[in-house]
């Protein structure tokens, strides 16, 4: 079983991104913090982003185990965006 290595980086614009390691490919995920949230988290921006990414990866794994990807709505070949509260 092969596995890819990913890295969390801070972009020049201050966003935190997840991308495949060792490449200049486009980021898979970008996290942008508002100035208000940066005041709250202080110097822990990358640590908070890492926790968010880990939670997202775990959620995707759980959805896959439950077979819930088949239940996602699709429109024009792309996933429909939903707002969760």
PDB file of N, CA and C in Angstrom:
ATOM      1  N   UNK A   1       0.850  -1.167   0.000  1.00  0.00           N
ATOM      2  CA  UNK A   1       0.000   0.000   0.000  1.00  0.00           C
ATOM      3  C   UNK A   1       0.900   1.235   0.000  1.00  0.00           C
ATOM      4  N   UNK A   2       0.708   2.110  -0.963  1.00  0.00           N
ATOM      5  CA  UNK A   2       1.510   3.331  -1.011  1.00  0.00           C
ATOM      6  C   UNK A   2       0.763   4.457  -0.312  1.00  0.00           C
ATOM      7  N   UNK A   3       1.528   5.372   0.229  1.00  0.00           N
ATOM      8  CA  UNK A   3       0.905   6.525   0.871  1.00  0.00           C
ATOM      9  C   UNK A   3       1.648   7.775   0.433  1.00  0.00           C
ATOM     10  N   UNK A   4       0.886   8.834   0.297  1.00  0.00           N
ATOM     11  CA  UNK A   4       1.483  10.104  -0.085  1.00  0.00           C
ATOM     12  C   UNK A   4       1.802  10.897   1.172  1.00  0.00           C
ATOM     13  N   UNK A   5       2.771  11.773   1.048  1.00  0.00           N
ATOM     14  CA  UNK A   5       3.139  12.636   2.161  1.00  0.00           C
ATOM     15  C   UNK A   5       2.634  14.039   1.855  1.00  0.00           C
ATOM     16  N   UNK A   6       2.030  14.647   2.834  1.00  0.00           N
ATOM     17  CA  UNK A   6       1.477  15.988   2.701  1.00  0.00           C
ATOM     18  C   UNK A   6       2.193  16.917   3.665  1.00  0.00           C
ATOM     19  N   UNK A   7       2.164  18.195   3.362  1.00  0.00           N
ATOM     20  CA  UNK A   7       2.785  19.170   4.252  1.00  0.00           C
ATOM     21  C   UNK A   7       1.833  20.335   4.460  1.00  0.00           C
ATOM     22  N   UNK A   8       1.937  20.921   5.626  1.00  0.00           N
ATOM     23  CA  UNK A   8       1.176  22.122   5.960  1.00  0.00           C
ATOM     24  C   UNK A   8       2.146  23.286   5.863  1.00  0.00           C
ATOM     25  N   UNK A   9       1.768  24.272   5.056  1.00  0.00           N
ATOM     26  CA  UNK A   9       2.660  25.405   4.822  1.00  0.00           C
ATOM     27  C   UNK A   9       1.904  26.706   5.042  1.00  0.00           C
ATOM     28  N   UNK A  10       2.653  27.749   5.318  1.00  0.00           N
ATOM     29  CA  UNK A  10       2.071  29.087   5.374  1.00  0.00           C
ATOM     30  C   UNK A  10       2.407  29.791   4.065  1.00  0.00           C
ATOM     31  N   UNK A  11       1.390  30.246   3.367  1.00  0.00           N
ATOM     32  CA  UNK A  11       1.571  30.916   2.083  1.00  0.00           C
ATOM     33  C   UNK A  11       2.012  32.359   2.284  1.00  0.00           C
ATOM     34  N   UNK A  12       2.515  32.962   1.238  1.00  0.00           N
ATOM     35  CA  UNK A  12       3.004  34.343   1.327  1.00  0.00           C
ATOM     36  C   UNK A  12       1.900  35.332   1.713  1.00  0.00           C
ATOM     37  N   UNK A  13       0.635  34.980   1.442  1.00  0.00           N
ATOM     38  CA  UNK A  13      -0.470  35.869   1.809  1.00  0.00           C
ATOM     39  C   UNK A  13      -0.962  35.635   3.237  1.00  0.00           C
ATOM     40  N   UNK A  14      -0.315  34.720   3.970  1.00  0.00           N
ATOM     41  CA  UNK A  14      -0.682  34.455   5.353  1.00  0.00           C
ATOM     42  C   UNK A  14      -1.626  33.284   5.538  1.00  0.00           C
ATOM     43  N   UNK A  15      -2.218  32.768   4.459  1.00  0.00           N
ATOM     44  CA  UNK A  15      -3.095  31.602   4.567  1.00  0.00           C
ATOM     45  C   UNK A  15      -2.257  30.383   4.921  1.00  0.00           C
ATOM     46  N   UNK A  16      -2.902  29.391   5.504  1.00  0.00           N
ATOM     47  CA  UNK A  16      -2.258  28.118   5.801  1.00  0.00           C
ATOM     48  C   UNK A  16      -2.823  27.105   4.815  1.00  0.00           C
ATOM     49  N   UNK A  17      -1.948  26.285   4.214  1.00  0.00           N
ATOM     50  CA  UNK A  17      -2.391  25.377   3.162  1.00  0.00           C
ATOM     51  C   UNK A  17      -1.869  23.966   3.380  1.00  0.00           C
ATOM     52  N   UNK A  18      -2.611  23.011   2.834  1.00  0.00           N
ATOM     53  CA  UNK A  18      -2.202  21.616   2.799  1.00  0.00           C
ATOM     54  C   UNK A  18      -1.915  21.277   1.347  1.00  0.00           C
ATOM     55  N   UNK A  19      -0.738  20.693   1.101  1.00  0.00           N
ATOM     56  CA  UNK A  19      -0.391  20.292  -0.257  1.00  0.00           C
ATOM     57  C   UNK A  19       0.451  19.028  -0.204  1.00  0.00           C
ATOM     58  N   UNK A  20       0.615  18.403  -1.353  1.00  0.00           N
ATOM     59  CA  UNK A  20       1.495  17.240  -1.437  1.00  0.00           C
ATOM     60  C   UNK A  20       2.929  17.717  -1.202  1.00  0.00           C
ATOM     61  N   UNK A  21       3.667  16.962  -0.431  1.00  0.00           N
ATOM     62  CA  UNK A  21       5.037  17.348  -0.087  1.00  0.00           C
ATOM     63  C   UNK A  21       5.946  17.309  -1.303  1.00  0.00           C
ATOM     64  N   UNK A  22       6.898  18.231  -1.301  1.00  0.00           N
ATOM     65  CA  UNK A  22       7.934  18.228  -2.310  1.00  0.00           C
ATOM     66  C   UNK A  22       7.530  18.752  -3.666  1.00  0.00           C
ATOM     67  N   UNK A  23       6.445  19.455  -3.732  1.00  0.00           N
ATOM     68  CA  UNK A  23       6.009  19.953  -5.032  1.00  0.00           C
ATOM     69  C   UNK A  23       5.533  21.381  -4.956  1.00  0.00           C
ATOM     70  N   UNK A  24       5.380  21.957  -6.118  1.00  0.00           N
ATOM     71  CA  UNK A  24       4.847  23.309  -6.204  1.00  0.00           C
ATOM     72  C   UNK A  24       3.408  23.288  -6.684  1.00  0.00           C
ATOM     73  N   UNK A  25       2.749  22.152  -6.473  1.00  0.00           N
ATOM     74  CA  UNK A  25       1.371  21.999  -6.907  1.00  0.00           C
ATOM     75  C   UNK A  25       0.448  22.937  -6.142  1.00  0.00           C
ATOM     76  N   UNK A  26      -0.710  23.135  -6.718  1.00  0.00           N
ATOM     77  CA  UNK A  26      -1.729  23.947  -6.056  1.00  0.00           C
ATOM     78  C   UNK A  26      -2.113  23.283  -4.737  1.00  0.00           C
ATOM     79  N   UNK A  27      -2.417  24.089  -3.749  1.00  0.00           N
ATOM     80  CA  UNK A  27      -2.806  23.575  -2.439  1.00  0.00           C
ATOM     81  C   UNK A  27      -4.115  22.792  -2.554  1.00  0.00           C
ATOM     82  N   UNK A  28      -4.222  21.734  -1.772  1.00  0.00           N
ATOM     83  CA  UNK A  28      -5.447  20.947  -1.726  1.00  0.00           C
ATOM     84  C   UNK A  28      -6.506  21.645  -0.876  1.00  0.00           C
ATOM     85  N   UNK A  29      -6.050  22.301   0.182  1.00  0.00           N
ATOM     86  CA  UNK A  29      -6.932  23.018   1.103  1.00  0.00           C
ATOM     87  C   UNK A  29      -6.205  24.282   1.554  1.00  0.00           C
ATOM     88  N   UNK A  30      -6.939  25.396   1.609  1.00  0.00           N
ATOM     89  CA  UNK A  30      -6.390  26.646   2.155  1.00  0.00           C
ATOM     90  C   UNK A  30      -7.284  27.116   3.294  1.00  0.00           C
ATOM     91  N   UNK A  31      -6.660  27.563   4.348  1.00  0.00           N
ATOM     92  CA  UNK A  31      -7.396  28.102   5.492  1.00  0.00           C
ATOM     93  C   UNK A  31      -6.987  29.546   5.661  1.00  0.00           C
ATOM     94  N   UNK A  32      -7.975  30.421   5.667  1.00  0.00           N
ATOM     95  CA  UNK A  32      -7.737  31.854   5.836  1.00  0.00           C
ATOM     96  C   UNK A  32      -8.401  32.290   7.137  1.00  0.00           C
ATOM     97  N   UNK A  33      -7.620  32.900   8.010  1.00  0.00           N
ATOM     98  CA  UNK A  33      -8.137  33.383   9.285  1.00  0.00           C
ATOM     99  C   UNK A  33      -8.425  34.874   9.186  1.00  0.00           C
ATOM    100  N   UNK A  34      -9.521  35.293   9.750  1.00  0.00           N
ATOM    101  CA  UNK A  34      -9.832  36.723   9.796  1.00  0.00           C
ATOM    102  C   UNK A  34      -8.904  37.400  10.802  1.00  0.00           C
ATOM    103  N   UNK A  35      -8.784  38.708  10.693  1.00  0.00           N
ATOM    104  CA  UNK A  35      -7.922  39.428  11.637  1.00  0.00           C
ATOM    105  C   UNK A  35      -8.453  39.283  13.059  1.00  0.00           C
ATOM    106  N   UNK A  36      -9.764  39.201  13.210  1.00  0.00           N
ATOM    107  CA  UNK A  36     -10.354  39.027  14.538  1.00  0.00           C
ATOM    108  C   UNK A  36      -9.964  37.667  15.136  1.00  0.00           C
ATOM    109  N   UNK A  37     -10.009  36.606  14.319  1.00  0.00           N
ATOM    110  CA  UNK A  37      -9.644  35.287  14.836  1.00  0.00           C
ATOM    111  C   UNK A  37      -8.147  35.201  15.135  1.00  0.00           C
ATOM    112  N   UNK A  38      -7.334  35.915  14.355  1.00  0.00           N
ATOM    113  CA  UNK A  38      -5.894  35.913  14.619  1.00  0.00           C
ATOM    114  C   UNK A  38      -5.572  36.551  15.962  1.00  0.00           C
ATOM    115  N   UNK A  39      -6.360  37.547  16.365  1.00  0.00           N
ATOM    116  CA  UNK A  39      -6.161  38.155  17.690  1.00  0.00           C
ATOM    117  C   UNK A  39      -6.416  37.139  18.790  1.00  0.00           C
ATOM    118  N   UNK A  40      -7.384  36.247  18.580  1.00  0.00           N
ATOM    119  CA  UNK A  40      -7.742  35.255  19.584  1.00  0.00           C
ATOM    120  C   UNK A  40      -6.707  34.137  19.659  1.00  0.00           C
ATOM    121  N   UNK A  41      -6.257  33.648  18.497  1.00  0.00           N
ATOM    122  CA  UNK A  41      -5.350  32.499  18.509  1.00  0.00           C
ATOM    123  C   UNK A  41      -3.876  32.890  18.606  1.00  0.00           C
ATOM    124  N   UNK A  42      -3.594  34.159  18.469  1.00  0.00           N
ATOM    125  CA  UNK A  42      -2.220  34.636  18.621  1.00  0.00           C
ATOM    126  C   UNK A  42      -1.257  33.952  17.679  1.00  0.00           C
ATOM    127  N   UNK A  43      -0.157  33.485  18.197  1.00  0.00           N
ATOM    128  CA  UNK A  43       0.880  32.862  17.384  1.00  0.00           C
ATOM    129  C   UNK A  43       0.641  31.394  17.082  1.00  0.00           C
ATOM    130  N   UNK A  44      -0.564  30.922  17.330  1.00  0.00           N
ATOM    131  CA  UNK A  44      -0.855  29.504  17.143  1.00  0.00           C
ATOM    132  C   UNK A  44      -1.627  29.216  15.856  1.00  0.00           C
ATOM    133  N   UNK A  45      -1.504  30.084  14.870  1.00  0.00           N
ATOM    134  CA  UNK A  45      -2.257  29.941  13.618  1.00  0.00           C
ATOM    135  C   UNK A  45      -2.019  28.586  12.956  1.00  0.00           C
ATOM    136  N   UNK A  46      -0.770  28.187  12.811  1.00  0.00           N
ATOM    137  CA  UNK A  46      -0.468  26.925  12.132  1.00  0.00           C
ATOM    138  C   UNK A  46      -0.954  25.737  12.962  1.00  0.00           C
ATOM    139  N   UNK A  47      -0.810  25.808  14.272  1.00  0.00           N
ATOM    140  CA  UNK A  47      -1.275  24.718  15.144  1.00  0.00           C
ATOM    141  C   UNK A  47      -2.795  24.561  15.051  1.00  0.00           C
ATOM    142  N   UNK A  48      -3.514  25.666  15.017  1.00  0.00           N
ATOM    143  CA  UNK A  48      -4.971  25.613  14.894  1.00  0.00           C
ATOM    144  C   UNK A  48      -5.368  25.067  13.524  1.00  0.00           C
ATOM    145  N   UNK A  49      -4.694  25.518  12.484  1.00  0.00           N
ATOM    146  CA  UNK A  49      -4.970  25.011  11.137  1.00  0.00           C
ATOM    147  C   UNK A  49      -4.693  23.515  11.055  1.00  0.00           C
ATOM    148  N   UNK A  50      -3.608  23.063  11.676  1.00  0.00           N
ATOM    149  CA  UNK A  50      -3.279  21.638  11.685  1.00  0.00           C
ATOM    150  C   UNK A  50      -4.393  20.835  12.349  1.00  0.00           C
ATOM    151  N   UNK A  51      -4.897  21.325  13.472  1.00  0.00           N
ATOM    152  CA  UNK A  51      -5.992  20.635  14.164  1.00  0.00           C
ATOM    153  C   UNK A  51      -7.246  20.590  13.288  1.00  0.00           C
ATOM    154  N   UNK A  52      -7.511  21.687  12.580  1.00  0.00           N
ATOM    155  CA  UNK A  52      -8.668  21.724  11.685  1.00  0.00           C
ATOM    156  C   UNK A  52      -8.509  20.713  10.550  1.00  0.00           C
ATOM    157  N   UNK A  53      -7.325  20.642   9.966  1.00  0.00           N
ATOM    158  CA  UNK A  53      -7.070  19.705   8.871  1.00  0.00           C
ATOM    159  C   UNK A  53      -7.161  18.258   9.354  1.00  0.00           C
ATOM    160  N   UNK A  54      -6.607  17.977  10.526  1.00  0.00           N
ATOM    161  CA  UNK A  54      -6.677  16.619  11.075  1.00  0.00           C
ATOM    162  C   UNK A  54      -8.126  16.209  11.319  1.00  0.00           C
ATOM    163  N   UNK A  55      -8.934  17.128  11.834  1.00  0.00           N
ATOM    164  CA  UNK A  55     -10.353  16.834  12.056  1.00  0.00           C
ATOM    165  C   UNK A  55     -11.069  16.575  10.734  1.00  0.00           C
ATOM    166  N   UNK A  56     -10.730  17.341   9.712  1.00  0.00           N
ATOM    167  CA  UNK A  56     -11.333  17.140   8.398  1.00  0.00           C
ATOM    168  C   UNK A  56     -10.967  15.799   7.792  1.00  0.00           C
ATOM    169  N   UNK A  57      -9.705  15.420   7.910  1.00  0.00           N
ATOM    170  CA  UNK A  57      -9.251  14.125   7.382  1.00  0.00           C
ATOM    171  C   UNK A  57      -9.947  12.984   8.118  1.00  0.00           C
ATOM    172  N   UNK A  58     -10.065  13.110   9.431  1.00  0.00           N
ATOM    173  CA  UNK A  58     -10.752  12.086  10.213  1.00  0.00           C
ATOM    174  C   UNK A  58     -12.226  11.989   9.803  1.00  0.00           C
ATOM    175  N   UNK A  59     -12.862  13.122   9.559  1.00  0.00           N
ATOM    176  CA  UNK A  59     -14.267  13.115   9.138  1.00  0.00           C
ATOM    177  C   UNK A  59     -14.423  12.424   7.791  1.00  0.00           C
ATOM    178  N   UNK A  60     -13.523  12.680   6.855  1.00  0.00           N
ATOM    179  CA  UNK A  60     -13.579  12.036   5.540  1.00  0.00           C
ATOM    180  C   UNK A  60     -13.403  10.525   5.688  1.00  0.00           C
ATOM    181  N   UNK A  61     -12.475  10.112   6.532  1.00  0.00           N
ATOM    182  CA  UNK A  61     -12.271   8.674   6.752  1.00  0.00           C
ATOM    183  C   UNK A  61     -13.523   8.031   7.330  1.00  0.00           C
ATOM    184  N   UNK A  62     -14.153   8.696   8.296  1.00  0.00           N
ATOM    185  CA  UNK A  62     -15.376   8.172   8.906  1.00  0.00           C
ATOM    186  C   UNK A  62     -16.510   8.085   7.890  1.00  0.00           C
ATOM    187  N   UNK A  63     -16.659   9.114   7.052  1.00  0.00           N
ATOM    188  CA  UNK A  63     -17.694   9.089   6.016  1.00  0.00           C
ATOM    189  C   UNK A  63     -17.457   7.941   5.051  1.00  0.00           C
ATOM    190  N   UNK A  64     -16.201   7.727   4.690  1.00  0.00           N
ATOM    191  CA  UNK A  64     -15.871   6.631   3.781  1.00  0.00           C
ATOM    192  C   UNK A  64     -16.182   5.275   4.384  1.00  0.00           C
ATOM    193  N   UNK A  65     -15.892   5.101   5.663  1.00  0.00           N
ATOM    194  CA  UNK A  65     -16.174   3.834   6.346  1.00  0.00           C
ATOM    195  C   UNK A  65     -17.664   3.554   6.396  1.00  0.00           C
ATOM    196  N   UNK A  66     -18.459   4.598   6.540  1.00  0.00           N
ATOM    197  CA  UNK A  66     -19.919   4.437   6.618  1.00  0.00           C
ATOM    198  C   UNK A  66     -20.564   4.427   5.241  1.00  0.00           C
ATOM    199  N   UNK A  67     -19.782   4.628   4.194  1.00  0.00           N
ATOM    200  CA  UNK A  67     -20.326   4.620   2.846  1.00  0.00           C
ATOM    201  C   UNK A  67     -21.164   5.833   2.526  1.00  0.00           C
ATOM    202  N   UNK A  68     -20.944   6.940   3.228  1.00  0.00           N
ATOM    203  CA  UNK A  68     -21.785   8.114   3.040  1.00  0.00           C
ATOM    204  C   UNK A  68     -21.410   8.958   1.840  1.00  0.00           C
ATOM    205  N   UNK A  69     -20.289   8.676   1.188  1.00  0.00           N
ATOM    206  CA  UNK A  69     -19.947   9.449  -0.006  1.00  0.00           C
ATOM    207  C   UNK A  69     -20.970   9.220  -1.104  1.00  0.00           C
ATOM    208  N   UNK A  70     -21.576   8.034  -1.130  1.00  0.00           N
ATOM    209  CA  UNK A  70     -22.578   7.751  -2.145  1.00  0.00           C
ATOM    210  C   UNK A  70     -23.829   8.599  -1.943  1.00  0.00           C
ATOM    211  N   UNK A  71     -24.043   9.123  -0.738  1.00  0.00           N
ATOM    212  CA  UNK A  71     -25.247   9.881  -0.426  1.00  0.00           C
ATOM    213  C   UNK A  71     -25.106  11.379  -0.667  1.00  0.00           C
ATOM    214  N   UNK A  72     -23.907  11.846  -1.046  1.00  0.00           N
ATOM    215  CA  UNK A  72     -23.703  13.266  -1.275  1.00  0.00           C
ATOM    216  C   UNK A  72     -24.385  13.686  -2.568  1.00  0.00           C
ATOM    217  N   UNK A  73     -25.046  14.840  -2.535  1.00  0.00           N
ATOM    218  CA  UNK A  73     -25.722  15.349  -3.717  1.00  0.00           C
ATOM    219  C   UNK A  73     -24.691  15.862  -4.712  1.00  0.00           C
ATOM    220  N   UNK A  74     -24.956  15.664  -5.979  1.00  0.00           N
ATOM    221  CA  UNK A  74     -24.079  16.199  -7.012  1.00  0.00           C
ATOM    222  C   UNK A  74     -24.905  17.015  -7.992  1.00  0.00           C
ATOM    223  N   UNK A  75     -24.296  18.065  -8.484  1.00  0.00           N
ATOM    224  CA  UNK A  75     -24.943  18.927  -9.460  1.00  0.00           C
ATOM    225  C   UNK A  75     -23.882  19.313 -10.480  1.00  0.00           C
ATOM    226  N   UNK A  76     -24.088  18.987 -11.729  1.00  0.00           N
ATOM    227  CA  UNK A  76     -23.135  19.294 -12.803  1.00  0.00           C
ATOM    228  C   UNK A  76     -21.752  18.706 -12.520  1.00  0.00           C
ATOM    229  N   UNK A  77     -21.686  17.532 -11.899  1.00  0.00           N
ATOM    230  CA  UNK A  77     -20.409  16.883 -11.657  1.00  0.00           C
ATOM    231  C   UNK A  77     -19.634  17.433 -10.476  1.00  0.00           C
ATOM    232  N   UNK A  78     -20.166  18.432  -9.765  1.00  0.00           N
ATOM    233  CA  UNK A  78     -19.482  18.993  -8.610  1.00  0.00           C
ATOM    234  C   UNK A  78     -20.376  18.850  -7.387  1.00  0.00           C
ATOM    235  N   UNK A  79     -19.737  18.750  -6.229  1.00  0.00           N
ATOM    236  CA  UNK A  79     -20.505  18.638  -5.005  1.00  0.00           C
ATOM    237  C   UNK A  79     -21.221  19.944  -4.705  1.00  0.00           C
ATOM    238  N   UNK A  80     -22.434  19.824  -4.194  1.00  0.00           N
ATOM    239  CA  UNK A  80     -23.230  20.980  -3.834  1.00  0.00           C
ATOM    240  C   UNK A  80     -22.728  21.503  -2.493  1.00  0.00           C
ATOM    241  N   UNK A  81     -22.567  22.804  -2.388  1.00  0.00           N
ATOM    242  CA  UNK A  81     -22.085  23.407  -1.136  1.00  0.00           C
ATOM    243  C   UNK A  81     -23.241  23.561  -0.160  1.00  0.00           C
ATOM    244  N   UNK A  82     -23.015  23.164   1.078  1.00  0.00           N
ATOM    245  CA  UNK A  82     -24.017  23.282   2.132  1.00  0.00           C
ATOM    246  C   UNK A  82     -23.408  24.073   3.284  1.00  0.00           C
ATOM    247  N   UNK A  83     -24.210  24.834   3.963  1.00  0.00           N
ATOM    248  CA  UNK A  83     -23.762  25.556   5.148  1.00  0.00           C
ATOM    249  C   UNK A  83     -24.221  24.797   6.380  1.00  0.00           C
ATOM    250  N   UNK A  84     -23.282  24.473   7.255  1.00  0.00           N
ATOM    251  CA  UNK A  84     -23.600  23.776   8.487  1.00  0.00           C
ATOM    252  C   UNK A  84     -23.545  24.747   9.641  1.00  0.00           C
ATOM    253  N   UNK A  85     -24.465  24.608  10.549  1.00  0.00           N
ATOM    254  CA  UNK A  85     -24.507  25.494  11.724  1.00  0.00           C
ATOM    255  C   UNK A  85     -24.306  24.709  12.984  1.00  0.00           C
TER     256      UNK A  85
END
